[in-house]
Amino acid sequence: SAFGLGGCESYPRVFEPFGGFADDAPVEAGRVRLCERAGVGIEG
C-alpha cells in the first residue's frame, strides 16, 4: 500500500497464524482493504 506496488501474496488457510490479513478485512474481487489500526495490525 505505502509504496504503490502491484499487489502482494496471500496465504489463505496456510502458514497460520502468520499468513493472512486482518480478520475484518475480507478479500473482495481479488483485493484487500487496508485497516486503520495502529502499527502492523497484529491486534486485528
PDB file of all heavy atoms in Angstrom:
ATOM      1  N   SER A   1       0.830  -1.211   0.000  1.00  0.00           N
ATOM      2  CA  SER A   1       0.000   0.000   0.000  1.00  0.00           C
ATOM      3  C   SER A   1       0.859   1.253   0.000  1.00  0.00           C
ATOM      4  O   SER A   1       0.635   2.181  -0.784  1.00  0.00           O
ATOM      5  CB  SER A   1      -0.918  -0.009   1.227  1.00  0.00           C
ATOM      6  OG  SER A   1      -1.494   1.259   1.447  1.00  0.00           O
ATOM      7  N   ALA A   2       1.849   1.305   0.883  1.00  0.00           N
ATOM      8  CA  ALA A   2       2.657   2.519   1.057  1.00  0.00           C
ATOM      9  C   ALA A   2       3.457   2.862  -0.186  1.00  0.00           C
ATOM     10  O   ALA A   2       3.574   4.040  -0.555  1.00  0.00           O
ATOM     11  CB  ALA A   2       3.592   2.348   2.257  1.00  0.00           C
ATOM     12  N   PHE A   3       4.022   1.857  -0.857  1.00  0.00           N
ATOM     13  CA  PHE A   3       4.925   2.104  -1.976  1.00  0.00           C
ATOM     14  C   PHE A   3       4.253   1.951  -3.345  1.00  0.00           C
ATOM     15  O   PHE A   3       4.922   2.039  -4.368  1.00  0.00           O
ATOM     16  CB  PHE A   3       6.137   1.180  -1.890  1.00  0.00           C
ATOM     17  CG  PHE A   3       7.076   1.519  -0.760  1.00  0.00           C
ATOM     18  CD1 PHE A   3       7.008   0.846   0.447  1.00  0.00           C
ATOM     19  CD2 PHE A   3       8.011   2.528  -0.900  1.00  0.00           C
ATOM     20  CE1 PHE A   3       7.865   1.156   1.487  1.00  0.00           C
ATOM     21  CE2 PHE A   3       8.877   2.852   0.128  1.00  0.00           C
ATOM     22  CZ  PHE A   3       8.808   2.170   1.340  1.00  0.00           C
ATOM     23  N   GLY A   4       2.952   1.735  -3.364  1.00  0.00           N
ATOM     24  CA  GLY A   4       2.245   1.656  -4.634  1.00  0.00           C
ATOM     25  C   GLY A   4       2.632   0.455  -5.467  1.00  0.00           C
ATOM     26  O   GLY A   4       2.768   0.550  -6.691  1.00  0.00           O
ATOM     27  N   LEU A   5       2.796  -0.711  -4.823  1.00  0.00           N
ATOM     28  CA  LEU A   5       3.196  -1.911  -5.547  1.00  0.00           C
ATOM     29  C   LEU A   5       2.005  -2.501  -6.302  1.00  0.00           C
ATOM     30  O   LEU A   5       0.849  -2.126  -6.086  1.00  0.00           O
ATOM     31  CB  LEU A   5       3.764  -2.934  -4.570  1.00  0.00           C
ATOM     32  CG  LEU A   5       4.885  -2.435  -3.643  1.00  0.00           C
ATOM     33  CD1 LEU A   5       5.420  -3.581  -2.798  1.00  0.00           C
ATOM     34  CD2 LEU A   5       6.003  -1.779  -4.437  1.00  0.00           C
ATOM     35  N   GLY A   6       2.299  -3.464  -7.180  1.00  0.00           N
ATOM     36  CA  GLY A   6       1.231  -4.085  -7.951  1.00  0.00           C
ATOM     37  C   GLY A   6       0.276  -4.870  -7.097  1.00  0.00           C
ATOM     38  O   GLY A   6      -0.917  -4.972  -7.392  1.00  0.00           O
ATOM     39  N   GLY A   7       0.789  -5.459  -6.020  1.00  0.00           N
ATOM     40  CA  GLY A   7      -0.021  -6.260  -5.116  1.00  0.00           C
ATOM     41  C   GLY A   7       0.891  -7.044  -4.209  1.00  0.00           C
ATOM     42  O   GLY A   7       2.078  -6.737  -4.083  1.00  0.00           O
ATOM     43  N   CYS A   8       0.357  -8.079  -3.556  1.00  0.00           N
ATOM     44  CA  CYS A   8       1.203  -8.940  -2.729  1.00  0.00           C
ATOM     45  C   CYS A   8       0.581 -10.317  -2.607  1.00  0.00           C
ATOM     46  O   CYS A   8      -0.595 -10.529  -2.910  1.00  0.00           O
ATOM     47  CB  CYS A   8       1.476  -8.321  -1.361  1.00  0.00           C
ATOM     48  SG  CYS A   8       0.097  -8.346  -0.219  1.00  0.00           S
ATOM     49  N   GLU A   9       1.400 -11.242  -2.163  1.00  0.00           N
ATOM     50  CA  GLU A   9       0.982 -12.618  -1.973  1.00  0.00           C
ATOM     51  C   GLU A   9       0.061 -12.724  -0.770  1.00  0.00           C
ATOM     52  O   GLU A   9       0.065 -11.883   0.126  1.00  0.00           O
ATOM     53  CB  GLU A   9       2.234 -13.485  -1.760  1.00  0.00           C
ATOM     54  CG  GLU A   9       1.991 -14.967  -1.807  1.00  0.00           C
ATOM     55  CD  GLU A   9       3.298 -15.750  -1.878  1.00  0.00           C
ATOM     56  OE1 GLU A   9       4.332 -15.271  -1.363  1.00  0.00           O
ATOM     57  OE2 GLU A   9       3.281 -16.843  -2.466  1.00  0.00           O
ATOM     58  N   SER A  10      -0.741 -13.783  -0.735  1.00  0.00           N
ATOM     59  CA  SER A  10      -1.587 -14.088   0.409  1.00  0.00           C
ATOM     60  C   SER A  10      -1.572 -15.590   0.631  1.00  0.00           C
ATOM     61  O   SER A  10      -1.468 -16.362  -0.323  1.00  0.00           O
ATOM     62  CB  SER A  10      -3.018 -13.607   0.158  1.00  0.00           C
ATOM     63  OG  SER A  10      -3.886 -14.004   1.208  1.00  0.00           O
ATOM     64  N   TYR A  11      -1.664 -16.006   1.888  1.00  0.00           N
ATOM     65  CA  TYR A  11      -1.720 -17.432   2.223  1.00  0.00           C
ATOM     66  C   TYR A  11      -3.011 -17.738   2.972  1.00  0.00           C
ATOM     67  O   TYR A  11      -3.018 -17.863   4.187  1.00  0.00           O
ATOM     68  CB  TYR A  11      -0.523 -17.832   3.083  1.00  0.00           C
ATOM     69  CG  TYR A  11       0.790 -17.811   2.356  1.00  0.00           C
ATOM     70  CD1 TYR A  11       1.749 -16.861   2.663  1.00  0.00           C
ATOM     71  CD2 TYR A  11       1.073 -18.745   1.370  1.00  0.00           C
ATOM     72  CE1 TYR A  11       2.966 -16.837   1.988  1.00  0.00           C
ATOM     73  CE2 TYR A  11       2.285 -18.727   0.702  1.00  0.00           C
ATOM     74  CZ  TYR A  11       3.221 -17.773   1.015  1.00  0.00           C
ATOM     75  OH  TYR A  11       4.414 -17.751   0.350  1.00  0.00           O
ATOM     76  N   PRO A  12      -4.121 -17.866   2.272  1.00  0.00           N
ATOM     77  CA  PRO A  12      -5.358 -18.199   2.972  1.00  0.00           C
ATOM     78  C   PRO A  12      -5.314 -19.624   3.513  1.00  0.00           C
ATOM     79  O   PRO A  12      -5.018 -20.576   2.782  1.00  0.00           O
ATOM     80  CB  PRO A  12      -6.424 -18.048   1.879  1.00  0.00           C
ATOM     81  CG  PRO A  12      -5.694 -18.230   0.591  1.00  0.00           C
ATOM     82  CD  PRO A  12      -4.313 -17.711   0.826  1.00  0.00           C
ATOM     83  N   ARG A  13      -5.528 -19.741   4.808  1.00  0.00           N
ATOM     84  CA  ARG A  13      -5.672 -21.053   5.461  1.00  0.00           C
ATOM     85  C   ARG A  13      -4.383 -21.872   5.517  1.00  0.00           C
ATOM     86  O   ARG A  13      -4.414 -23.048   5.863  1.00  0.00           O
ATOM     87  CB  ARG A  13      -6.778 -21.858   4.790  1.00  0.00           C
ATOM     88  CG  ARG A  13      -8.143 -21.178   4.869  1.00  0.00           C
ATOM     89  CD  ARG A  13      -9.195 -21.890   4.066  1.00  0.00           C
ATOM     90  NE  ARG A  13     -10.496 -21.229   4.241  1.00  0.00           N
ATOM     91  CZ  ARG A  13     -11.517 -21.363   3.406  1.00  0.00           C
ATOM     92  NH1 ARG A  13     -11.390 -22.111   2.340  1.00  0.00           N
ATOM     93  NH2 ARG A  13     -12.659 -20.745   3.631  1.00  0.00           N
ATOM     94  N   VAL A  14      -3.237 -21.305   5.160  1.00  0.00           N
ATOM     95  CA  VAL A  14      -1.963 -21.995   5.360  1.00  0.00           C
ATOM     96  C   VAL A  14      -1.005 -21.036   6.063  1.00  0.00           C
ATOM     97  O   VAL A  14      -1.197 -19.832   6.052  1.00  0.00           O
ATOM     98  CB  VAL A  14      -1.347 -22.500   4.036  1.00  0.00           C
ATOM     99  CG1 VAL A  14      -2.244 -23.543   3.394  1.00  0.00           C
ATOM    100  CG2 VAL A  14      -1.111 -21.356   3.067  1.00  0.00           C
ATOM    101  N   PHE A  15       0.028 -21.615   6.689  1.00  0.00           N
ATOM    102  CA  PHE A  15       1.011 -20.851   7.458  1.00  0.00           C
ATOM    103  C   PHE A  15       0.351 -20.011   8.550  1.00  0.00           C
ATOM    104  O   PHE A  15       0.829 -18.937   8.913  1.00  0.00           O
ATOM    105  CB  PHE A  15       1.869 -19.961   6.548  1.00  0.00           C
ATOM    106  CG  PHE A  15       2.632 -20.724   5.512  1.00  0.00           C
ATOM    107  CD1 PHE A  15       2.492 -20.442   4.163  1.00  0.00           C
ATOM    108  CD2 PHE A  15       3.496 -21.748   5.886  1.00  0.00           C
ATOM    109  CE1 PHE A  15       3.198 -21.152   3.204  1.00  0.00           C
ATOM    110  CE2 PHE A  15       4.205 -22.465   4.933  1.00  0.00           C
ATOM    111  CZ  PHE A  15       4.052 -22.166   3.590  1.00  0.00           C
ATOM    112  N   GLU A  16      -0.746 -20.503   9.061  1.00  0.00           N
ATOM    113  CA  GLU A  16      -1.408 -19.797  10.150  1.00  0.00           C
ATOM    114  C   GLU A  16      -0.637 -20.009  11.454  1.00  0.00           C
ATOM    115  O   GLU A  16      -0.026 -21.053  11.661  1.00  0.00           O
ATOM    116  CB  GLU A  16      -2.849 -20.306  10.310  1.00  0.00           C
ATOM    117  CG  GLU A  16      -3.787 -19.859   9.211  1.00  0.00           C
ATOM    118  CD  GLU A  16      -4.121 -18.376   9.293  1.00  0.00           C
ATOM    119  OE1 GLU A  16      -3.691 -17.724  10.266  1.00  0.00           O
ATOM    120  OE2 GLU A  16      -4.796 -17.879   8.391  1.00  0.00           O
ATOM    121  N   PRO A  17      -0.681 -18.994  12.349  1.00  0.00           N
ATOM    122  CA  PRO A  17      -1.456 -17.764  12.238  1.00  0.00           C
ATOM    123  C   PRO A  17      -0.705 -16.605  11.576  1.00  0.00           C
ATOM    124  O   PRO A  17      -1.192 -15.479  11.575  1.00  0.00           O
ATOM    125  CB  PRO A  17      -1.750 -17.418  13.686  1.00  0.00           C
ATOM    126  CG  PRO A  17      -0.502 -17.838  14.402  1.00  0.00           C
ATOM    127  CD  PRO A  17      -0.045 -19.097  13.697  1.00  0.00           C
ATOM    128  N   PHE A  18       0.484 -16.876  11.006  1.00  0.00           N
ATOM    129  CA  PHE A  18       1.308 -15.776  10.489  1.00  0.00           C
ATOM    130  C   PHE A  18       0.810 -15.275   9.135  1.00  0.00           C
ATOM    131  O   PHE A  18       0.871 -14.086   8.855  1.00  0.00           O
ATOM    132  CB  PHE A  18       2.767 -16.229  10.394  1.00  0.00           C
ATOM    133  CG  PHE A  18       3.322 -16.669  11.712  1.00  0.00           C
ATOM    134  CD1 PHE A  18       3.405 -18.015  12.041  1.00  0.00           C
ATOM    135  CD2 PHE A  18       3.734 -15.734  12.644  1.00  0.00           C
ATOM    136  CE1 PHE A  18       3.903 -18.421  13.273  1.00  0.00           C
ATOM    137  CE2 PHE A  18       4.232 -16.127  13.882  1.00  0.00           C
ATOM    138  CZ  PHE A  18       4.307 -17.481  14.186  1.00  0.00           C
ATOM    139  N   GLY A  19       0.340 -16.188   8.286  1.00  0.00           N
ATOM    140  CA  GLY A  19      -0.159 -15.779   6.995  1.00  0.00           C
ATOM    141  C   GLY A  19      -1.532 -15.137   7.095  1.00  0.00           C
ATOM    142  O   GLY A  19      -2.287 -15.365   8.044  1.00  0.00           O
ATOM    143  N   GLY A  20      -1.865 -14.350   6.110  1.00  0.00           N
ATOM    144  CA  GLY A  20      -3.188 -13.742   6.062  1.00  0.00           C
ATOM    145  C   GLY A  20      -3.237 -12.357   6.671  1.00  0.00           C
ATOM    146  O   GLY A  20      -2.269 -11.864   7.248  1.00  0.00           O
ATOM    147  N   PHE A  21      -4.405 -11.759   6.570  1.00  0.00           N
ATOM    148  CA  PHE A  21      -4.578 -10.355   6.941  1.00  0.00           C
ATOM    149  C   PHE A  21      -5.581 -10.219   8.078  1.00  0.00           C
ATOM    150  O   PHE A  21      -5.917 -11.208   8.727  1.00  0.00           O
ATOM    151  CB  PHE A  21      -4.981  -9.565   5.694  1.00  0.00           C
ATOM    152  CG  PHE A  21      -4.095  -9.856   4.510  1.00  0.00           C
ATOM    153  CD1 PHE A  21      -4.608 -10.384   3.333  1.00  0.00           C
ATOM    154  CD2 PHE A  21      -2.721  -9.651   4.588  1.00  0.00           C
ATOM    155  CE1 PHE A  21      -3.791 -10.675   2.254  1.00  0.00           C
ATOM    156  CE2 PHE A  21      -1.888  -9.938   3.518  1.00  0.00           C
ATOM    157  CZ  PHE A  21      -2.425 -10.455   2.348  1.00  0.00           C
ATOM    158  N   ALA A  22      -6.030  -9.017   8.347  1.00  0.00           N
ATOM    159  CA  ALA A  22      -6.910  -8.776   9.480  1.00  0.00           C
ATOM    160  C   ALA A  22      -8.216  -9.563   9.342  1.00  0.00           C
ATOM    161  O   ALA A  22      -8.716  -9.782   8.233  1.00  0.00           O
ATOM    162  CB  ALA A  22      -7.204  -7.286   9.612  1.00  0.00           C
ATOM    163  N   ASP A  23      -8.749  -9.968  10.474  1.00  0.00           N
ATOM    164  CA  ASP A  23      -9.975 -10.757  10.465  1.00  0.00           C
ATOM    165  C   ASP A  23     -11.150  -9.995   9.856  1.00  0.00           C
ATOM    166  O   ASP A  23     -12.082 -10.607   9.328  1.00  0.00           O
ATOM    167  CB  ASP A  23     -10.333 -11.184  11.895  1.00  0.00           C
ATOM    168  CG  ASP A  23      -9.288 -12.106  12.499  1.00  0.00           C
ATOM    169  OD1 ASP A  23      -8.578 -12.798  11.734  1.00  0.00           O
ATOM    170  OD2 ASP A  23      -9.167 -12.125  13.740  1.00  0.00           O
ATOM    171  N   ASP A  24     -11.119  -8.672   9.958  1.00  0.00           N
ATOM    172  CA  ASP A  24     -12.219  -7.867   9.435  1.00  0.00           C
ATOM    173  C   ASP A  24     -11.876  -7.223   8.085  1.00  0.00           C
ATOM    174  O   ASP A  24     -12.448  -6.198   7.721  1.00  0.00           O
ATOM    175  CB  ASP A  24     -12.626  -6.782  10.439  1.00  0.00           C
ATOM    176  CG  ASP A  24     -11.468  -5.869  10.833  1.00  0.00           C
ATOM    177  OD1 ASP A  24     -10.332  -6.125  10.389  1.00  0.00           O
ATOM    178  OD2 ASP A  24     -11.710  -4.911  11.605  1.00  0.00           O
ATOM    179  N   ALA A  25     -10.928  -7.838   7.350  1.00  0.00           N
ATOM    180  CA  ALA A  25     -10.547  -7.329   6.029  1.00  0.00           C
ATOM    181  C   ALA A  25     -10.710  -8.438   5.001  1.00  0.00           C
ATOM    182  O   ALA A  25      -9.740  -9.077   4.587  1.00  0.00           O
ATOM    183  CB  ALA A  25      -9.108  -6.815   6.045  1.00  0.00           C
ATOM    184  N   PRO A  26     -11.945  -8.705   4.558  1.00  0.00           N
ATOM    185  CA  PRO A  26     -12.162  -9.779   3.592  1.00  0.00           C
ATOM    186  C   PRO A  26     -11.597  -9.430   2.221  1.00  0.00           C
ATOM    187  O   PRO A  26     -11.393  -8.263   1.884  1.00  0.00           O
ATOM    188  CB  PRO A  26     -13.693  -9.884   3.540  1.00  0.00           C
ATOM    189  CG  PRO A  26     -14.167  -8.513   3.897  1.00  0.00           C
ATOM    190  CD  PRO A  26     -13.188  -8.004   4.912  1.00  0.00           C
ATOM    191  N   VAL A  27     -11.337 -10.461   1.441  1.00  0.00           N
ATOM    192  CA  VAL A  27     -10.916 -10.275   0.054  1.00  0.00           C
ATOM    193  C   VAL A  27     -12.164 -10.014  -0.787  1.00  0.00           C
ATOM    194  O   VAL A  27     -13.127 -10.786  -0.743  1.00  0.00           O
ATOM    195  CB  VAL A  27     -10.176 -11.521  -0.469  1.00  0.00           C
ATOM    196  CG1 VAL A  27      -9.754 -11.323  -1.923  1.00  0.00           C
ATOM    197  CG2 VAL A  27      -8.966 -11.824   0.403  1.00  0.00           C
ATOM    198  N   GLU A  28     -12.148  -8.941  -1.529  1.00  0.00           N
ATOM    199  CA  GLU A  28     -13.271  -8.594  -2.388  1.00  0.00           C
ATOM    200  C   GLU A  28     -12.764  -8.345  -3.797  1.00  0.00           C
ATOM    201  O   GLU A  28     -11.953  -7.439  -4.016  1.00  0.00           O
ATOM    202  CB  GLU A  28     -13.992  -7.350  -1.845  1.00  0.00           C
ATOM    203  CG  GLU A  28     -14.584  -7.573  -0.449  1.00  0.00           C
ATOM    204  CD  GLU A  28     -15.278  -6.337   0.089  1.00  0.00           C
ATOM    205  OE1 GLU A  28     -15.030  -5.235  -0.446  1.00  0.00           O
ATOM    206  OE2 GLU A  28     -16.064  -6.471   1.049  1.00  0.00           O
ATOM    207  N   ALA A  29     -13.202  -9.192  -4.723  1.00  0.00           N
ATOM    208  CA  ALA A  29     -12.772  -9.095  -6.125  1.00  0.00           C
ATOM    209  C   ALA A  29     -11.253  -9.051  -6.239  1.00  0.00           C
ATOM    210  O   ALA A  29     -10.693  -8.278  -7.009  1.00  0.00           O
ATOM    211  CB  ALA A  29     -13.400  -7.877  -6.790  1.00  0.00           C
ATOM    212  N   GLY A  30     -10.595  -9.879  -5.435  1.00  0.00           N
ATOM    213  CA  GLY A  30      -9.140 -10.001  -5.529  1.00  0.00           C
ATOM    214  C   GLY A  30      -8.360  -8.896  -4.856  1.00  0.00           C
ATOM    215  O   GLY A  30      -7.153  -8.769  -5.080  1.00  0.00           O
ATOM    216  N   ARG A  31      -9.014  -8.111  -4.000  1.00  0.00           N
ATOM    217  CA  ARG A  31      -8.331  -7.001  -3.341  1.00  0.00           C
ATOM    218  C   ARG A  31      -8.663  -7.014  -1.848  1.00  0.00           C
ATOM    219  O   ARG A  31      -9.726  -7.496  -1.426  1.00  0.00           O
ATOM    220  CB  ARG A  31      -8.728  -5.659  -3.953  1.00  0.00           C
ATOM    221  CG  ARG A  31      -8.453  -5.565  -5.453  1.00  0.00           C
ATOM    222  CD  ARG A  31      -8.747  -4.192  -6.009  1.00  0.00           C
ATOM    223  NE  ARG A  31      -7.719  -3.218  -5.603  1.00  0.00           N
ATOM    224  CZ  ARG A  31      -6.584  -3.024  -6.264  1.00  0.00           C
ATOM    225  NH1 ARG A  31      -6.300  -3.725  -7.341  1.00  0.00           N
ATOM    226  NH2 ARG A  31      -5.716  -2.111  -5.852  1.00  0.00           N
ATOM    227  N   VAL A  32      -7.741  -6.458  -1.048  1.00  0.00           N
ATOM    228  CA  VAL A  32      -7.936  -6.335   0.394  1.00  0.00           C
ATOM    229  C   VAL A  32      -7.821  -4.870   0.780  1.00  0.00           C
ATOM    230  O   VAL A  32      -6.876  -4.178   0.372  1.00  0.00           O
ATOM    231  CB  VAL A  32      -6.886  -7.161   1.174  1.00  0.00           C
ATOM    232  CG1 VAL A  32      -6.926  -6.836   2.661  1.00  0.00           C
ATOM    233  CG2 VAL A  32      -7.138  -8.646   0.970  1.00  0.00           C
ATOM    234  N   ARG A  33      -8.747  -4.411   1.577  1.00  0.00           N
ATOM    235  CA  ARG A  33      -8.736  -3.031   2.037  1.00  0.00           C
ATOM    236  C   ARG A  33      -7.830  -2.915   3.267  1.00  0.00           C
ATOM    237  O   ARG A  33      -7.850  -3.772   4.142  1.00  0.00           O
ATOM    238  CB  ARG A  33     -10.144  -2.559   2.380  1.00  0.00           C
ATOM    239  CG  ARG A  33     -10.223  -1.067   2.686  1.00  0.00           C
ATOM    240  CD  ARG A  33     -11.659  -0.581   2.697  1.00  0.00           C
ATOM    241  NE  ARG A  33     -11.725   0.858   2.929  1.00  0.00           N
ATOM    242  CZ  ARG A  33     -11.560   1.781   1.991  1.00  0.00           C
ATOM    243  NH1 ARG A  33     -11.329   1.403   0.738  1.00  0.00           N
ATOM    244  NH2 ARG A  33     -11.637   3.061   2.261  1.00  0.00           N
ATOM    245  N   LEU A  34      -7.034  -1.859   3.319  1.00  0.00           N
ATOM    246  CA  LEU A  34      -6.143  -1.620   4.453  1.00  0.00           C
ATOM    247  C   LEU A  34      -6.954  -1.172   5.669  1.00  0.00           C
ATOM    248  O   LEU A  34      -7.907  -0.398   5.551  1.00  0.00           O
ATOM    249  CB  LEU A  34      -5.101  -0.556   4.111  1.00  0.00           C
ATOM    250  CG  LEU A  34      -3.826  -1.019   3.398  1.00  0.00           C
ATOM    251  CD1 LEU A  34      -2.969  -1.866   4.325  1.00  0.00           C
ATOM    252  CD2 LEU A  34      -4.127  -1.768   2.111  1.00  0.00           C
ATOM    253  N   CYS A  35      -6.550  -1.658   6.834  1.00  0.00           N
ATOM    254  CA  CYS A  35      -7.195  -1.268   8.084  1.00  0.00           C
ATOM    255  C   CYS A  35      -6.472  -0.068   8.692  1.00  0.00           C
ATOM    256  O   CYS A  35      -5.327   0.221   8.346  1.00  0.00           O
ATOM    257  CB  CYS A  35      -7.194  -2.427   9.067  1.00  0.00           C
ATOM    258  SG  CYS A  35      -8.163  -3.846   8.508  1.00  0.00           S
ATOM    259  N   GLU A  36      -7.128   0.600   9.614  1.00  0.00           N
ATOM    260  CA  GLU A  36      -6.560   1.798  10.227  1.00  0.00           C
ATOM    261  C   GLU A  36      -6.037   1.557  11.638  1.00  0.00           C
ATOM    262  O   GLU A  36      -5.799   2.508  12.375  1.00  0.00           O
ATOM    263  CB  GLU A  36      -7.604   2.920  10.235  1.00  0.00           C
ATOM    264  CG  GLU A  36      -7.937   3.453   8.846  1.00  0.00           C
ATOM    265  CD  GLU A  36      -6.723   4.068   8.147  1.00  0.00           C
ATOM    266  OE1 GLU A  36      -6.007   4.870   8.777  1.00  0.00           O
ATOM    267  OE2 GLU A  36      -6.493   3.746   6.967  1.00  0.00           O
ATOM    268  N   ARG A  37      -5.864   0.292  12.038  1.00  0.00           N
ATOM    269  CA  ARG A  37      -5.265   0.020  13.348  1.00  0.00           C
ATOM    270  C   ARG A  37      -3.817   0.512  13.359  1.00  0.00           C
ATOM    271  O   ARG A  37      -3.096   0.381  12.382  1.00  0.00           O
ATOM    272  CB  ARG A  37      -5.276  -1.475  13.647  1.00  0.00           C
ATOM    273  CG  ARG A  37      -6.648  -2.047  13.887  1.00  0.00           C
ATOM    274  CD  ARG A  37      -6.572  -3.529  14.225  1.00  0.00           C
ATOM    275  NE  ARG A  37      -7.917  -4.058  14.341  1.00  0.00           N
ATOM    276  CZ  ARG A  37      -8.632  -4.517  13.316  1.00  0.00           C
ATOM    277  NH1 ARG A  37      -8.100  -4.516  12.097  1.00  0.00           N
ATOM    278  NH2 ARG A  37      -9.852  -4.964  13.504  1.00  0.00           N
ATOM    279  N   ALA A  38      -3.411   1.022  14.488  1.00  0.00           N
ATOM    280  CA  ALA A  38      -2.033   1.497  14.607  1.00  0.00           C
ATOM    281  C   ALA A  38      -1.062   0.325  14.502  1.00  0.00           C
ATOM    282  O   ALA A  38      -1.336  -0.777  14.972  1.00  0.00           O
ATOM    283  CB  ALA A  38      -1.828   2.234  15.921  1.00  0.00           C
ATOM    284  N   GLY A  39       0.076   0.596  13.880  1.00  0.00           N
ATOM    285  CA  GLY A  39       1.114  -0.408  13.752  1.00  0.00           C
ATOM    286  C   GLY A  39       0.874  -1.372  12.608  1.00  0.00           C
ATOM    287  O   GLY A  39       0.148  -1.081  11.650  1.00  0.00           O
ATOM    288  N   VAL A  40       1.492  -2.541  12.705  1.00  0.00           N
ATOM    289  CA  VAL A  40       1.352  -3.574  11.677  1.00  0.00           C
ATOM    290  C   VAL A  40      -0.089  -4.069  11.614  1.00  0.00           C
ATOM    291  O   VAL A  40      -0.585  -4.435  10.554  1.00  0.00           O
ATOM    292  CB  VAL A  40       2.326  -4.736  11.960  1.00  0.00           C
ATOM    293  CG1 VAL A  40       2.076  -5.913  11.025  1.00  0.00           C
ATOM    294  CG2 VAL A  40       3.781  -4.267  11.811  1.00  0.00           C
ATOM    295  N   GLY A  41      -0.771  -4.095  12.742  1.00  0.00           N
ATOM    296  CA  GLY A  41      -2.160  -4.535  12.784  1.00  0.00           C
ATOM    297  C   GLY A  41      -2.349  -5.935  13.314  1.00  0.00           C
ATOM    298  O   GLY A  41      -3.409  -6.539  13.115  1.00  0.00           O
ATOM    299  N   ILE A  42      -1.334  -6.463  14.005  1.00  0.00           N
ATOM    300  CA  ILE A  42      -1.413  -7.821  14.546  1.00  0.00           C
ATOM    301  C   ILE A  42      -2.605  -7.984  15.477  1.00  0.00           C
ATOM    302  O   ILE A  42      -3.222  -9.052  15.552  1.00  0.00           O
ATOM    303  CB  ILE A  42      -0.081  -8.167  15.241  1.00  0.00           C
ATOM    304  CG1 ILE A  42       1.000  -8.404  14.180  1.00  0.00           C
ATOM    305  CG2 ILE A  42      -0.215  -9.366  16.170  1.00  0.00           C
ATOM    306  CD1 ILE A  42       2.393  -8.534  14.727  1.00  0.00           C
ATOM    307  N   GLU A  43      -2.964  -6.922  16.167  1.00  0.00           N
ATOM    308  CA  GLU A  43      -4.077  -6.988  17.100  1.00  0.00           C
ATOM    309  C   GLU A  43      -5.405  -7.255  16.387  1.00  0.00           C
ATOM    310  O   GLU A  43      -6.386  -7.662  17.030  1.00  0.00           O
ATOM    311  CB  GLU A  43      -4.174  -5.692  17.915  1.00  0.00           C
ATOM    312  CG  GLU A  43      -3.027  -5.484  18.889  1.00  0.00           C
ATOM    313  CD  GLU A  43      -1.709  -5.066  18.233  1.00  0.00           C
ATOM    314  OE1 GLU A  43      -1.717  -4.735  17.010  1.00  0.00           O
ATOM    315  OE2 GLU A  43      -0.667  -5.073  18.916  1.00  0.00           O
ATOM    316  N   GLY A  44      -5.458  -7.026  15.086  1.00  0.00           N
ATOM    317  CA  GLY A  44      -6.662  -7.288  14.314  1.00  0.00           C
ATOM    318  C   GLY A  44      -6.737  -8.692  13.753  1.00  0.00           C
ATOM    319  O   GLY A  44      -7.692  -9.027  13.042  1.00  0.00           O
TER     320      GLY A  44
END
